[in-house]
Amino acid sequence: MKVLVICTPRPGVQPGDIGAHAAAEMAALKELQSDGTLARAYSPGGPGAVLIFEAGRPAVETALAGLPLVRDGLIDTEIIELHPFPGLAG
């Protein structure tokens, strides 16, 4: 299953707050990528991130809970399960 996660800074969070966690966040994302849970990570061109996971929702929720920015309450996440269109599945 593919799961889309949209990450946005919480109101009032400053770029420096996020920057202080950047190295730890990238290390955690690389670990998720190396174990095959995180398929892709994108920048939306501003604050935040768009993540695509190859895992079920429970595994994604567990993975997100371990990310420093989530754990420290600096970002909000929106989890969207993606399902193929039946007529386009290939």
N, C-alpha and C. Protein backbone atom coordinates (compact mmCIF):
# COMPACT_ATOMS: atom_id res chain seq x y z
N MET A 1 0.84 -1.17 0.00
CA MET A 1 0.00 0.00 0.00
C MET A 1 0.88 1.24 0.00
N LYS A 2 0.45 2.25 -0.70
CA LYS A 2 1.14 3.54 -0.69
C LYS A 2 0.37 4.49 0.22
N VAL A 3 1.13 5.25 0.99
CA VAL A 3 0.54 6.23 1.89
C VAL A 3 1.27 7.55 1.68
N LEU A 4 0.49 8.60 1.46
CA LEU A 4 1.02 9.95 1.29
C LEU A 4 0.93 10.66 2.64
N VAL A 5 2.01 11.33 3.02
CA VAL A 5 2.00 12.10 4.27
C VAL A 5 2.45 13.52 3.93
N ILE A 6 1.60 14.47 4.30
CA ILE A 6 1.92 15.88 4.11
C ILE A 6 2.30 16.44 5.47
N CYS A 7 3.51 16.97 5.56
CA CYS A 7 4.04 17.50 6.81
C CYS A 7 4.11 19.02 6.71
N THR A 8 3.55 19.70 7.70
CA THR A 8 3.58 21.16 7.73
C THR A 8 3.96 21.63 9.13
N PRO A 9 4.72 22.72 9.20
CA PRO A 9 5.08 23.25 10.52
C PRO A 9 3.83 23.68 11.28
N ARG A 10 3.83 23.45 12.56
CA ARG A 10 2.72 23.91 13.40
C ARG A 10 2.77 25.43 13.50
N PRO A 11 1.62 26.06 13.68
CA PRO A 11 1.61 27.52 13.84
C PRO A 11 2.54 27.96 14.97
N GLY A 12 3.30 28.99 14.70
CA GLY A 12 4.22 29.53 15.69
C GLY A 12 5.61 28.92 15.68
N VAL A 13 5.79 27.82 14.96
CA VAL A 13 7.10 27.19 14.89
C VAL A 13 7.98 28.01 13.94
N GLN A 14 9.16 28.34 14.40
CA GLN A 14 10.10 29.14 13.62
C GLN A 14 11.06 28.24 12.84
N PRO A 15 11.58 28.74 11.71
CA PRO A 15 12.53 27.93 10.92
C PRO A 15 13.72 27.44 11.75
N GLY A 16 14.19 28.24 12.67
CA GLY A 16 15.31 27.82 13.51
C GLY A 16 14.97 26.65 14.40
N ASP A 17 13.70 26.57 14.83
CA ASP A 17 13.26 25.43 15.64
C ASP A 17 13.40 24.14 14.84
N ILE A 18 13.00 24.20 13.60
CA ILE A 18 13.07 23.04 12.72
C ILE A 18 14.52 22.76 12.35
N GLY A 19 15.27 23.82 12.05
CA GLY A 19 16.66 23.66 11.65
C GLY A 19 17.50 22.96 12.70
N ALA A 20 17.17 23.18 13.96
CA ALA A 20 17.93 22.54 15.04
C ALA A 20 17.78 21.03 15.03
N HIS A 21 16.74 20.53 14.36
CA HIS A 21 16.48 19.09 14.29
C HIS A 21 16.79 18.50 12.92
N ALA A 22 17.29 19.33 12.01
CA ALA A 22 17.45 18.90 10.61
C ALA A 22 18.31 17.65 10.46
N ALA A 23 19.45 17.61 11.11
CA ALA A 23 20.35 16.46 10.94
C ALA A 23 19.71 15.18 11.47
N ALA A 24 19.07 15.26 12.62
CA ALA A 24 18.43 14.07 13.19
C ALA A 24 17.24 13.64 12.33
N GLU A 25 16.49 14.60 11.80
CA GLU A 25 15.34 14.28 10.95
C GLU A 25 15.80 13.58 9.67
N MET A 26 16.85 14.11 9.04
CA MET A 26 17.35 13.49 7.81
C MET A 26 17.89 12.09 8.09
N ALA A 27 18.55 11.90 9.21
CA ALA A 27 19.06 10.57 9.56
C ALA A 27 17.90 9.59 9.73
N ALA A 28 16.83 10.03 10.38
CA ALA A 28 15.67 9.16 10.58
C ALA A 28 15.00 8.84 9.25
N LEU A 29 14.89 9.83 8.36
CA LEU A 29 14.29 9.59 7.05
C LEU A 29 15.15 8.63 6.22
N LYS A 30 16.47 8.80 6.29
CA LYS A 30 17.36 7.88 5.56
C LYS A 30 17.23 6.45 6.07
N GLU A 31 17.06 6.30 7.36
CA GLU A 31 16.87 4.96 7.93
C GLU A 31 15.57 4.34 7.42
N LEU A 32 14.49 5.13 7.40
CA LEU A 32 13.21 4.63 6.88
C LEU A 32 13.33 4.28 5.40
N GLN A 33 14.11 5.06 4.67
CA GLN A 33 14.31 4.78 3.24
C GLN A 33 15.13 3.50 3.06
N SER A 34 16.15 3.33 3.88
CA SER A 34 17.00 2.14 3.73
C SER A 34 16.28 0.86 4.09
N ASP A 35 15.30 0.94 5.00
CA ASP A 35 14.55 -0.28 5.34
C ASP A 35 13.35 -0.51 4.41
N GLY A 36 13.16 0.38 3.44
CA GLY A 36 12.12 0.19 2.43
C GLY A 36 10.76 0.74 2.81
N THR A 37 10.65 1.35 3.98
CA THR A 37 9.36 1.91 4.41
C THR A 37 9.06 3.22 3.69
N LEU A 38 10.04 4.10 3.59
CA LEU A 38 9.88 5.38 2.92
C LEU A 38 10.30 5.24 1.46
N ALA A 39 9.36 5.45 0.56
CA ALA A 39 9.67 5.32 -0.87
C ALA A 39 10.26 6.59 -1.44
N ARG A 40 9.68 7.75 -1.10
CA ARG A 40 10.11 9.03 -1.65
C ARG A 40 9.87 10.14 -0.64
N ALA A 41 10.67 11.19 -0.76
CA ALA A 41 10.49 12.38 0.05
C ALA A 41 10.69 13.60 -0.85
N TYR A 42 9.78 14.55 -0.74
CA TYR A 42 9.82 15.73 -1.59
C TYR A 42 9.68 16.99 -0.76
N SER A 43 10.22 18.07 -1.29
CA SER A 43 9.99 19.40 -0.73
C SER A 43 8.85 20.04 -1.51
N PRO A 44 7.91 20.67 -0.83
CA PRO A 44 6.83 21.35 -1.54
C PRO A 44 7.24 22.74 -2.03
N GLY A 45 8.52 23.08 -1.91
CA GLY A 45 9.00 24.38 -2.34
C GLY A 45 8.93 25.43 -1.25
N GLY A 46 8.59 25.03 -0.07
CA GLY A 46 8.52 25.91 1.08
C GLY A 46 8.62 25.05 2.32
N PRO A 47 8.25 25.58 3.46
CA PRO A 47 8.32 24.77 4.68
C PRO A 47 7.46 23.52 4.59
N GLY A 48 7.97 22.44 5.11
CA GLY A 48 7.22 21.19 5.12
C GLY A 48 7.86 20.13 4.27
N ALA A 49 7.14 19.03 4.11
CA ALA A 49 7.63 17.91 3.31
C ALA A 49 6.43 17.09 2.85
N VAL A 50 6.66 16.36 1.77
CA VAL A 50 5.68 15.41 1.26
C VAL A 50 6.40 14.06 1.21
N LEU A 51 5.87 13.09 1.93
CA LEU A 51 6.50 11.77 2.03
C LEU A 51 5.57 10.72 1.44
N ILE A 52 6.16 9.77 0.74
CA ILE A 52 5.38 8.64 0.22
C ILE A 52 5.97 7.37 0.81
N PHE A 53 5.12 6.64 1.51
CA PHE A 53 5.53 5.42 2.17
C PHE A 53 4.99 4.21 1.41
N GLU A 54 5.73 3.12 1.46
CA GLU A 54 5.30 1.81 0.95
C GLU A 54 5.05 0.95 2.17
N ALA A 55 3.94 1.18 2.82
CA ALA A 55 3.61 0.45 4.05
C ALA A 55 2.15 0.71 4.39
N GLY A 56 1.61 -0.09 5.26
CA GLY A 56 0.26 0.13 5.74
C GLY A 56 0.21 1.28 6.73
N ARG A 57 -0.98 1.78 6.97
CA ARG A 57 -1.15 2.93 7.85
C ARG A 57 -0.56 2.72 9.25
N PRO A 58 -0.75 1.57 9.89
CA PRO A 58 -0.16 1.40 11.22
C PRO A 58 1.37 1.54 11.21
N ALA A 59 2.03 0.99 10.20
CA ALA A 59 3.49 1.10 10.10
C ALA A 59 3.90 2.55 9.85
N VAL A 60 3.13 3.26 9.04
CA VAL A 60 3.43 4.67 8.77
C VAL A 60 3.26 5.49 10.04
N GLU A 61 2.20 5.26 10.78
CA GLU A 61 1.99 6.00 12.03
C GLU A 61 3.14 5.76 13.01
N THR A 62 3.61 4.53 13.08
CA THR A 62 4.74 4.21 13.95
C THR A 62 6.00 4.91 13.47
N ALA A 63 6.23 4.89 12.16
CA ALA A 63 7.41 5.55 11.59
C ALA A 63 7.38 7.05 11.87
N LEU A 64 6.22 7.66 11.67
CA LEU A 64 6.11 9.10 11.90
C LEU A 64 6.35 9.45 13.36
N ALA A 65 5.85 8.64 14.26
CA ALA A 65 6.02 8.90 15.69
C ALA A 65 7.49 8.94 16.09
N GLY A 66 8.34 8.27 15.32
CA GLY A 66 9.77 8.25 15.61
C GLY A 66 10.56 9.39 15.00
N LEU A 67 9.92 10.20 14.17
CA LEU A 67 10.63 11.32 13.56
C LEU A 67 10.79 12.45 14.58
N PRO A 68 11.98 13.02 14.67
CA PRO A 68 12.22 14.07 15.67
C PRO A 68 11.25 15.24 15.60
N LEU A 69 10.91 15.70 14.41
CA LEU A 69 10.02 16.85 14.29
C LEU A 69 8.60 16.53 14.75
N VAL A 70 8.17 15.30 14.54
CA VAL A 70 6.85 14.88 15.01
C VAL A 70 6.90 14.67 16.53
N ARG A 71 7.90 13.96 16.97
CA ARG A 71 8.05 13.63 18.39
C ARG A 71 8.10 14.89 19.26
N ASP A 72 8.75 15.95 18.74
CA ASP A 72 8.89 17.18 19.51
C ASP A 72 7.76 18.18 19.24
N GLY A 73 6.74 17.76 18.49
CA GLY A 73 5.56 18.59 18.29
C GLY A 73 5.76 19.80 17.40
N LEU A 74 6.74 19.74 16.49
CA LEU A 74 7.03 20.88 15.63
C LEU A 74 6.26 20.86 14.31
N ILE A 75 5.83 19.67 13.90
CA ILE A 75 5.08 19.59 12.64
C ILE A 75 3.79 18.80 12.83
N ASP A 76 2.84 19.12 11.97
CA ASP A 76 1.60 18.35 11.88
C ASP A 76 1.71 17.45 10.66
N THR A 77 1.07 16.32 10.71
CA THR A 77 1.08 15.39 9.58
C THR A 77 -0.34 15.05 9.18
N GLU A 78 -0.55 14.99 7.88
CA GLU A 78 -1.82 14.52 7.32
C GLU A 78 -1.51 13.22 6.59
N ILE A 79 -2.15 12.15 6.99
CA ILE A 79 -1.91 10.82 6.41
C ILE A 79 -3.04 10.50 5.46
N ILE A 80 -2.66 10.17 4.22
CA ILE A 80 -3.65 9.86 3.19
C ILE A 80 -3.29 8.52 2.56
N GLU A 81 -4.16 7.53 2.74
CA GLU A 81 -3.95 6.23 2.10
C GLU A 81 -4.30 6.36 0.61
N LEU A 82 -3.42 5.88 -0.24
CA LEU A 82 -3.63 5.96 -1.68
C LEU A 82 -4.09 4.63 -2.22
N HIS A 83 -5.11 4.67 -3.03
CA HIS A 83 -5.68 3.46 -3.64
C HIS A 83 -5.73 3.65 -5.15
N PRO A 84 -5.32 2.65 -5.92
CA PRO A 84 -5.34 2.80 -7.37
C PRO A 84 -6.78 2.89 -7.90
N PHE A 85 -6.94 3.62 -8.99
CA PHE A 85 -8.20 3.63 -9.69
C PHE A 85 -8.39 2.27 -10.34
N PRO A 86 -9.52 1.60 -10.15
CA PRO A 86 -9.70 0.25 -10.70
C PRO A 86 -9.47 0.16 -12.22
N GLY A 87 -9.91 1.14 -12.95
CA GLY A 87 -9.76 1.10 -14.41
C GLY A 87 -8.37 1.42 -14.91
N LEU A 88 -7.50 1.89 -14.01
CA LEU A 88 -6.15 2.27 -14.42
C LEU A 88 -5.07 1.39 -13.80
N ALA A 89 -5.46 0.47 -12.96
CA ALA A 89 -4.48 -0.40 -12.31
C ALA A 89 -3.75 -1.20 -13.37
N GLY A 90 -2.47 -1.29 -13.23
CA GLY A 90 -1.71 -2.01 -14.25
C GLY A 90 -0.57 -2.65 -13.71
